[in-house]
Protein backbone atom coordinates (compact mmCIF):
# COMPACT_ATOMS: atom_id res chain seq x y z
CA UNK A 1 0.15 0.12 -0.22
CA UNK A 2 1.30 2.88 -1.57
CA UNK A 3 1.59 6.04 1.78
CA UNK A 4 3.36 8.77 2.49
CA UNK A 5 5.19 8.37 5.77
CA UNK A 6 6.42 11.56 8.01
CA UNK A 7 9.83 9.93 8.10
CA UNK A 8 10.08 10.42 4.92
CA UNK A 9 8.71 13.95 5.17
CA UNK A 10 11.30 14.30 8.02
CA UNK A 11 14.36 12.69 6.42
CA UNK A 12 13.82 15.70 3.35
CA UNK A 13 14.13 18.08 5.72
CA UNK A 14 10.37 19.02 4.53
CA UNK A 15 8.88 19.24 8.38
CA UNK A 16 11.11 22.23 10.11
CA UNK A 17 8.71 25.61 11.11
CA UNK A 18 5.89 23.31 10.00
CA UNK A 19 2.28 23.22 11.56
CA UNK A 20 2.17 19.72 12.41
CA UNK A 21 -1.07 17.77 13.38
CA UNK A 22 -0.94 13.71 14.72
CA UNK A 23 -4.03 12.25 15.41
CA UNK A 24 -2.59 10.28 18.84
CA UNK A 25 -4.74 6.96 19.82
CA UNK A 26 -4.40 8.14 23.92
CA UNK A 27 -7.73 6.42 24.72
CA UNK A 28 -5.94 4.60 27.71
CA UNK A 29 -8.36 3.18 30.74
CA UNK A 30 -8.46 5.05 33.64
CA UNK A 31 -10.13 3.99 37.21
CA UNK A 32 -13.04 5.86 38.94
CA UNK A 33 -11.36 9.02 40.19
CA UNK A 34 -9.63 9.20 36.52
CA UNK A 35 -6.60 7.73 37.23
CA UNK A 36 -4.45 5.89 34.23
CA UNK A 37 -4.20 2.37 34.42
CA UNK A 38 -1.94 1.31 31.55
CA UNK A 39 -0.66 3.97 29.37
CA UNK A 40 0.64 1.49 26.67
CA UNK A 41 -1.17 3.52 24.22
CA UNK A 42 -0.33 6.97 25.11
CA UNK A 43 3.84 5.69 25.13
CA UNK A 44 3.78 4.15 22.07
CA UNK A 45 2.37 7.63 20.91
CA UNK A 46 5.70 9.61 21.96
CA UNK A 47 8.24 8.74 18.85
CA UNK A 48 5.80 10.33 16.28
CA UNK A 49 5.57 13.45 18.86
CA UNK A 50 9.57 13.89 19.71
CA UNK A 51 10.33 13.11 15.83
CA UNK A 52 8.26 16.02 14.87
CA UNK A 53 9.60 18.16 17.38
CA UNK A 54 13.35 17.29 16.94
CA UNK A 55 12.72 17.71 12.83
CA UNK A 56 11.69 21.60 14.45
CA UNK A 57 7.74 21.43 13.77
CA UNK A 58 5.37 23.36 15.80
CA UNK A 59 3.19 20.09 17.20
CA UNK A 60 -0.32 19.80 17.90
CA UNK A 61 -1.84 16.18 19.06
CA UNK A 62 -5.33 14.89 19.87
CA UNK A 63 -7.29 11.60 20.22
CA UNK A 64 -10.61 10.92 21.57
CA UNK A 65 -11.57 9.48 25.10
CA UNK A 66 -14.28 7.31 26.37
CA UNK A 67 -16.98 8.05 25.02
CA UNK A 68 -18.66 11.96 25.10
CA UNK A 69 -21.59 13.42 23.96
CA UNK A 70 -20.94 15.94 21.13
CA UNK A 71 -20.53 19.28 21.77
CA UNK A 72 -21.15 19.03 25.83
CA UNK A 73 -17.68 19.44 27.59
CA UNK A 74 -17.94 17.28 30.96
CA UNK A 75 -14.70 17.45 32.97
CA UNK A 76 -14.20 13.06 33.11
CA UNK A 77 -13.60 13.75 28.83
CA UNK A 78 -10.31 15.80 29.48
CA UNK A 79 -7.34 15.19 28.59
CA UNK A 80 -5.69 16.85 31.22
CA UNK A 81 -4.84 12.99 32.78
CA UNK A 82 -3.10 12.25 29.24
CA UNK A 83 -1.38 15.26 29.17
CA UNK A 84 0.27 14.78 32.77
CA UNK A 85 1.69 11.14 32.04
CA UNK A 86 2.70 12.46 28.56
CA UNK A 87 4.70 15.52 30.47
CA UNK A 88 6.41 12.66 32.84
CA UNK A 89 7.40 10.69 30.33
CA UNK A 90 8.43 13.50 27.77
CA UNK A 91 9.80 15.34 30.59
CA UNK A 92 8.31 18.44 29.38
CA UNK A 93 4.40 20.72 30.02
CA UNK A 94 2.09 19.37 27.86
CA UNK A 95 -0.47 22.45 27.79
CA UNK A 96 -4.04 21.41 26.93
CA UNK A 97 -5.91 23.68 24.27
CA UNK A 98 -9.85 23.66 24.70
CA UNK A 99 -12.12 24.92 22.15
CA UNK A 100 -9.30 24.71 19.65
CA UNK A 101 -11.19 23.96 16.12
CA UNK A 102 -10.94 27.76 14.97
CA UNK A 103 -7.58 28.55 15.74
CA UNK A 104 -4.54 27.32 17.70
CA UNK A 105 -1.50 29.36 18.51
CA UNK A 106 2.00 27.17 18.39
CA UNK A 107 5.27 27.89 17.82
CA UNK A 108 7.84 25.70 16.30
CA UNK A 109 9.18 23.32 19.33
CA UNK A 110 6.16 23.57 21.14
CA UNK A 111 3.63 20.83 22.18
CA UNK A 112 -0.10 21.47 22.92
CA UNK A 113 -2.49 18.33 23.21
CA UNK A 114 -5.55 19.91 21.79
CA UNK A 115 -8.58 18.37 24.04
CA UNK A 116 -10.86 15.38 23.47
CA UNK A 117 -11.74 15.21 19.56
CA UNK A 118 -14.82 13.75 20.18
CA UNK A 119 -16.28 16.56 21.62
CA UNK A 120 -16.35 18.55 18.89
CA UNK A 121 -19.43 18.93 16.80
CA UNK A 122 -19.60 16.89 13.71
CA UNK A 123 -16.28 14.49 14.37
CA UNK A 124 -18.20 10.94 14.26
CA UNK A 125 -20.28 12.12 10.98
CA UNK A 126 -17.32 13.63 9.29
CA UNK A 127 -18.42 17.22 9.02
CA UNK A 128 -16.88 18.61 5.80
CA UNK A 129 -17.15 22.31 7.36
CA UNK A 130 -15.24 20.40 10.33
CA UNK A 131 -12.85 18.57 8.20
CA UNK A 132 -12.00 21.62 6.53
CA UNK A 133 -11.40 23.77 9.89
CA UNK A 134 -8.94 21.29 11.20
CA UNK A 135 -7.28 20.73 8.21
CA UNK A 136 -6.43 24.66 7.84
CA UNK A 137 -5.00 24.40 11.12
CA UNK A 138 -1.59 22.59 10.26
CA UNK A 139 0.62 21.73 7.18
CA UNK A 140 1.21 18.32 7.56
CA UNK A 141 -1.87 15.94 8.53
CA UNK A 142 -0.24 12.47 10.65
CA UNK A 143 -2.44 10.00 11.13
CA UNK A 144 -0.67 7.31 14.01
CA UNK A 145 -3.60 6.32 15.48
CA UNK A 146 -4.16 2.73 14.50
CA UNK A 147 -7.11 1.74 17.20
CA UNK A 148 -9.45 4.19 15.19
CA UNK A 149 -8.52 3.96 11.22
CA UNK A 150 -11.55 2.12 11.03
CA UNK A 151 -13.59 4.53 11.77
CA UNK A 152 -13.80 7.86 9.18
CA UNK A 153 -14.48 10.26 11.12
CA UNK A 154 -13.50 14.20 11.16
CA UNK A 155 -9.88 13.52 12.67
CA UNK A 156 -9.26 10.10 10.49
CA UNK A 157 -11.04 10.97 7.44
CA UNK A 158 -11.98 14.08 6.59
CA UNK A 159 -8.94 16.46 7.46
CA UNK A 160 -6.84 14.07 5.23
CA UNK A 161 -8.88 15.03 2.58
CA UNK A 162 -8.27 18.85 3.20
CA UNK A 163 -4.62 19.29 4.62
CA UNK A 164 -1.96 20.73 2.43
CA UNK A 165 -0.26 17.51 2.77
CA UNK A 166 -1.68 13.64 4.68
CA UNK A 167 0.77 11.01 5.89
CA UNK A 168 1.04 8.08 8.31
CA UNK A 169 2.94 8.05 11.28
CA UNK A 170 5.27 5.69 12.83
CA UNK A 171 2.65 3.51 14.25
CA UNK A 172 -0.10 3.50 11.61
CA UNK A 173 3.31 3.08 8.81
CA UNK A 174 4.66 -0.48 10.79
CA UNK A 175 0.90 -1.25 10.84
CA UNK A 176 0.60 -1.11 7.79
CA UNK A 177 3.90 -2.98 6.65
CA UNK A 178 3.26 -6.03 9.46
CA UNK A 179 -0.54 -6.36 7.39
CA UNK A 180 1.23 -6.16 4.18
CA UNK A 181 4.07 -8.84 5.50
CA UNK A 182 1.14 -11.10 6.71
CA UNK A 183 -1.53 -10.79 4.69
CA UNK A 184 -0.29 -9.61 0.92
CA UNK A 185 3.14 -11.48 0.74
CA UNK A 186 3.31 -14.08 3.62
CA UNK A 187 5.85 -16.57 3.67
CA UNK A 188 4.11 -20.26 3.27
CA UNK A 189 2.95 -21.78 4.79
CA UNK A 190 0.52 -18.75 6.32
CA UNK A 191 -1.00 -20.10 9.45
CA UNK A 192 -4.33 -18.53 11.46
CA UNK A 193 -5.31 -18.79 15.06
CA UNK A 194 -8.78 -17.32 15.50
CA UNK A 195 -10.56 -18.07 18.52
CA UNK A 196 -13.45 -16.23 20.60
CA UNK A 197 -16.97 -17.27 22.05
CA UNK A 198 -19.04 -16.62 18.54
CA UNK A 199 -19.00 -18.28 15.10
CA UNK A 200 -20.92 -14.87 14.56
CA UNK A 201 -18.46 -12.48 15.06
CA UNK A 202 -15.52 -14.07 13.26
CA UNK A 203 -17.78 -15.70 10.24
CA UNK A 204 -16.51 -13.08 8.17
CA UNK A 205 -13.28 -13.12 9.42
CA UNK A 206 -13.30 -17.11 9.01
CA UNK A 207 -14.81 -17.01 5.34
CA UNK A 208 -11.62 -14.24 4.28
CA UNK A 209 -8.89 -16.45 5.68
CA UNK A 210 -10.06 -20.10 3.90
CA UNK A 211 -9.09 -18.34 0.85
CA UNK A 212 -5.99 -17.74 1.76
CA UNK A 213 -4.25 -19.18 4.51
CA UNK A 214 -2.73 -22.76 4.49
CA UNK A 215 -4.34 -23.84 8.18
CA UNK A 216 -6.88 -22.29 10.05
CA UNK A 217 -6.63 -22.99 13.63
CA UNK A 218 -9.92 -22.30 15.35
CA UNK A 219 -10.59 -22.29 19.60
CA UNK A 220 -13.16 -21.37 21.89
CA UNK A 221 -16.43 -21.50 21.96
CA UNK A 222 -15.90 -21.09 17.92
CA UNK A 223 -13.90 -24.64 18.20
CA UNK A 224 -16.91 -25.76 19.51
CA UNK A 225 -19.35 -25.49 16.68
CA UNK A 226 -16.62 -26.59 14.07
CA UNK A 227 -16.71 -30.18 16.49
CA UNK A 228 -20.11 -30.07 15.96
CA UNK A 229 -19.65 -29.88 12.31
CA UNK A 230 -17.33 -32.82 12.34
CA UNK A 231 -20.23 -34.48 14.02
CA UNK A 232 -18.79 -34.53 17.71
CA UNK A 233 -20.69 -34.25 20.60
CA UNK A 234 -19.73 -30.98 23.00
CA UNK A 235 -22.04 -31.66 25.93
CA UNK A 236 -23.54 -28.30 26.93
CA UNK A 237 -20.14 -26.34 26.06
CA UNK A 238 -20.99 -22.79 24.28
CA UNK A 239 -21.53 -23.04 20.73
CA UNK A 240 -23.52 -21.65 18.30
CA UNK A 241 -25.85 -25.05 15.95
CA UNK A 242 -27.30 -22.59 13.81
CA UNK A 243 -23.77 -21.99 12.09
CA UNK A 244 -23.06 -25.37 11.68
CA UNK A 245 -23.67 -25.08 8.36
CA UNK A 246 -21.10 -21.93 7.77
CA UNK A 247 -18.45 -23.75 9.38
CA UNK A 248 -18.81 -27.06 7.54
CA UNK A 249 -18.44 -24.47 3.93
CA UNK A 250 -15.23 -22.91 5.77
CA UNK A 251 -13.95 -26.66 6.72
CA UNK A 252 -14.98 -27.75 3.07
CA UNK A 253 -13.53 -24.07 1.59
CA UNK A 254 -10.18 -25.32 3.36
CA UNK A 255 -9.88 -28.49 1.40
CA UNK A 256 -10.63 -27.70 -1.45
CA UNK A 257 -6.88 -25.92 -1.20
CA UNK A 258 -5.65 -28.65 0.18
CA UNK A 259 -5.67 -26.70 3.41
CA UNK A 260 -6.94 -27.94 6.84
CA UNK A 261 -8.88 -26.55 9.71
CA UNK A 262 -7.50 -29.24 12.37
CA UNK A 263 -10.74 -30.46 14.80
CA UNK A 264 -9.60 -30.83 18.17
CA UNK A 265 -8.69 -34.53 19.15
CA UNK A 266 -8.76 -33.91 23.34
CA UNK A 267 -10.23 -31.29 25.06
CA UNK A 268 -10.21 -30.57 28.94
CA UNK A 269 -13.23 -29.95 30.46
CA UNK A 270 -15.35 -29.40 33.44
CA UNK A 271 -18.88 -29.58 35.08
CA UNK A 272 -19.53 -25.59 35.57
CA UNK A 273 -17.53 -22.49 34.82
CA UNK A 274 -15.42 -21.39 37.50
CA UNK A 275 -11.93 -21.24 38.26
CA UNK A 276 -11.59 -23.55 40.94
CA UNK A 277 -13.94 -25.95 38.79
CA UNK A 278 -11.87 -29.87 38.42
CA UNK A 279 -10.54 -29.99 34.89
CA UNK A 280 -10.80 -33.73 33.39
CA UNK A 281 -8.81 -34.35 29.78
CA UNK A 282 -10.51 -36.15 27.42
CA UNK A 283 -10.37 -37.83 23.98
CA UNK A 284 -13.16 -35.23 21.92
CA UNK A 285 -14.98 -38.39 21.37
CA UNK A 286 -15.76 -38.73 24.76
CA UNK A 287 -17.44 -35.74 26.04
CA UNK A 288 -20.85 -36.23 28.18
CA UNK A 289 -23.66 -34.01 28.27
CA UNK A 290 -23.43 -32.42 31.09
CA UNK A 291 -19.39 -31.19 30.27
CA UNK A 292 -18.14 -28.34 29.40
CA UNK A 293 -15.00 -27.99 26.64
CA UNK A 294 -12.96 -25.11 28.08
CA UNK A 295 -9.71 -25.82 26.59
CA UNK A 296 -8.09 -27.75 24.06
CA UNK A 297 -6.26 -30.54 25.63
CA UNK A 298 -2.70 -32.17 25.52
CA UNK A 299 -2.79 -33.89 22.42
CA UNK A 300 -4.20 -30.92 20.34
CA UNK A 301 -1.71 -28.21 21.65
CA UNK A 302 1.10 -30.66 20.77
CA UNK A 303 -0.52 -31.30 17.05
CA UNK A 304 -1.06 -27.17 16.54
CA UNK A 305 2.21 -26.60 18.16
CA UNK A 306 3.90 -28.54 15.64
CA UNK A 307 2.41 -26.69 12.69
CA UNK A 308 3.03 -23.24 14.16
CA UNK A 309 6.37 -24.14 14.47
CA UNK A 310 7.04 -25.45 11.11
CA UNK A 311 5.00 -22.17 9.80
CA UNK A 312 5.74 -19.02 7.99
CA UNK A 313 3.77 -16.50 8.79
CA UNK A 314 1.20 -16.89 11.91
CA UNK A 315 -1.68 -14.70 12.63
CA UNK A 316 -3.41 -14.82 15.87
CA UNK A 317 -6.58 -13.45 17.13
CA UNK A 318 -7.73 -15.08 20.25
CA UNK A 319 -6.81 -17.36 22.69
CA UNK A 320 -8.00 -21.12 22.57
CA UNK A 321 -9.27 -21.44 25.78
CA UNK A 322 -10.52 -19.81 29.26
CA UNK A 323 -6.54 -18.62 30.29
CA UNK A 324 -7.93 -16.80 32.72
CA UNK A 325 -8.74 -19.58 34.96
CA UNK A 326 -5.15 -21.82 35.05
CA UNK A 327 -6.63 -25.37 34.98
CA UNK A 328 -7.83 -24.28 31.58
CA UNK A 329 -4.80 -22.35 30.43
CA UNK A 330 -2.52 -24.82 29.28
CA UNK A 331 -3.66 -25.48 25.82
CA UNK A 332 -3.25 -21.30 25.08
CA UNK A 333 -0.03 -21.04 26.94
CA UNK A 334 1.21 -24.12 24.06
CA UNK A 335 -0.14 -21.77 20.69
CA UNK A 336 2.07 -18.57 22.90
CA UNK A 337 4.62 -20.64 23.30
CA UNK A 338 5.15 -22.57 19.77
CA UNK A 339 4.10 -18.93 18.36
CA UNK A 340 8.01 -17.50 20.91
CA UNK A 341 9.75 -20.65 19.14
CA UNK A 342 8.50 -20.25 15.38
CA UNK A 343 11.02 -18.46 13.20
CA UNK A 344 7.73 -17.51 11.24
CA UNK A 345 6.60 -13.50 11.33
CA UNK A 346 4.19 -13.54 13.91
CA UNK A 347 1.19 -10.98 13.90
CA UNK A 348 -1.19 -10.86 17.05
CA UNK A 349 -4.14 -8.61 17.83
CA UNK A 350 -7.02 -8.58 19.82
CA UNK A 351 -7.42 -7.86 23.69
CA UNK A 352 -7.56 -10.96 24.89
CA UNK A 353 -4.88 -12.03 22.63
CA UNK A 354 -2.65 -9.01 24.18
CA UNK A 355 -3.56 -10.59 28.13
CA UNK A 356 -2.27 -13.77 27.20
CA UNK A 357 1.52 -12.22 25.38
CA UNK A 358 1.49 -10.23 28.69
CA UNK A 359 0.50 -13.04 30.54
CA UNK A 360 3.09 -15.45 29.47
CA UNK A 361 5.95 -12.68 28.78
CA UNK A 362 6.32 -13.68 24.98
CA UNK A 363 6.06 -9.78 23.69
CA UNK A 364 9.99 -10.09 22.13
CA UNK A 365 8.85 -13.10 20.37
CA UNK A 366 5.74 -11.62 18.60
CA UNK A 367 6.96 -10.30 15.22
CA UNK A 368 4.27 -7.45 15.40
CA UNK A 369 1.43 -6.95 18.07
CA UNK A 370 -1.00 -4.80 16.61
CA UNK A 371 -2.64 -2.05 18.37
CA UNK A 372 -6.23 -1.96 16.97
CA UNK A 373 -8.62 -4.38 18.26
CA UNK A 374 -11.50 -3.36 16.03
CA UNK A 375 -9.32 -2.61 13.14
CA UNK A 376 -7.02 -5.37 13.11
CA UNK A 377 -10.50 -7.70 13.04
CA UNK A 378 -11.76 -5.83 9.52
CA UNK A 379 -8.40 -5.91 8.14
CA UNK A 380 -8.42 -9.73 8.61
CA UNK A 381 -12.00 -9.57 6.78
CA UNK A 382 -10.60 -8.15 4.28
CA UNK A 383 -11.80 -5.00 4.50
CA UNK A 384 -10.04 -1.61 3.49
CA UNK A 385 -9.44 0.97 6.45
CA UNK A 386 -11.02 4.36 6.09
CA UNK A 387 -7.43 5.43 7.25
CA UNK A 388 -5.57 3.82 5.12
CA UNK A 389 -7.78 4.13 1.86
CA UNK A 390 -7.86 8.21 2.22
CA UNK A 391 -3.78 8.24 2.77
CA UNK A 392 -3.06 6.03 -0.19
CA UNK A 393 -5.50 8.30 -2.14
CA UNK A 394 -3.46 11.58 -0.98
CA UNK A 395 -0.49 9.66 -1.74
CA UNK A 396 -1.72 9.09 -5.45
CA UNK A 397 -3.29 12.03 -6.47
């Protein structure tokens, strides 16, 4: 995908003295008192900001936070806690500017944080009037917010239409590169792991991937529906029996290409859904009517681990069992460690997947960890994200 990169503008000496507007993703979790509980997104946004400041730009940064009501600013919507944390990390004062749409005063070498962009009327519906006003604030627009790339909003799409120059920041560019490497030009075999509670929420992803991947590993509640499709009993496990036809179609689509959806040969069951429920390993053919399948069994995990170690590219979205309960975490841990040990290029995304990566401490062994949940899923569905589309259009136009 051909997009203009902010790093190229910096390298070409085109940023000094320019007004740079960066759309970052600073939507971090906060507790009831407004304290930030996890600051990964703030840390991830800093390289683009520092790149602009070092190049001598006048820098404006904005983001959404939470779900504010447009046109009604409330204290809990404020980016002030973000500015404070950003200031601590960067060792400088970061002023917060409210009511900024009609004009911002910022000098080269200065950094300001523009208050929560979703408070502005017309942001979510991508109002042309708002987009033009925001575009007038800057010489260079930088999108560095992959987490919102699947939404066509004022600060992710509209401003990119009208700004003099529109480009991708380092975070967004890294996502584009990783996605291209994993899906557009993958080293084979390409193995995808798609897990979660429901086939319905991942059906389009499974259908899209089944046309492209060499191995499609399903896990969680999704695997139970595929087990039903394979004629196995699943007891009272979570599944969607009405989607067995769709699961069968995915299996057949893969088979037609000489590829496979591995069905578990053994599972870990319990009688109740609880952390302290006794766990029983049994063959996939021996699931009782009152059993809940909460993880893949050790034989299945070992088979999948071998497949992952031999892969050229791995796409991972979702844990394969209830990994939050230690008795039902072995499948996900085995998969995580196999990905870490594999020489394949791996890309992982989605909240639960990131939690599993953190739990097993394999961050440094995954090729690329995607920061966007919904955006990552839409890419797996084969969709072109609005933010990518407009940047590509601007680069080619």
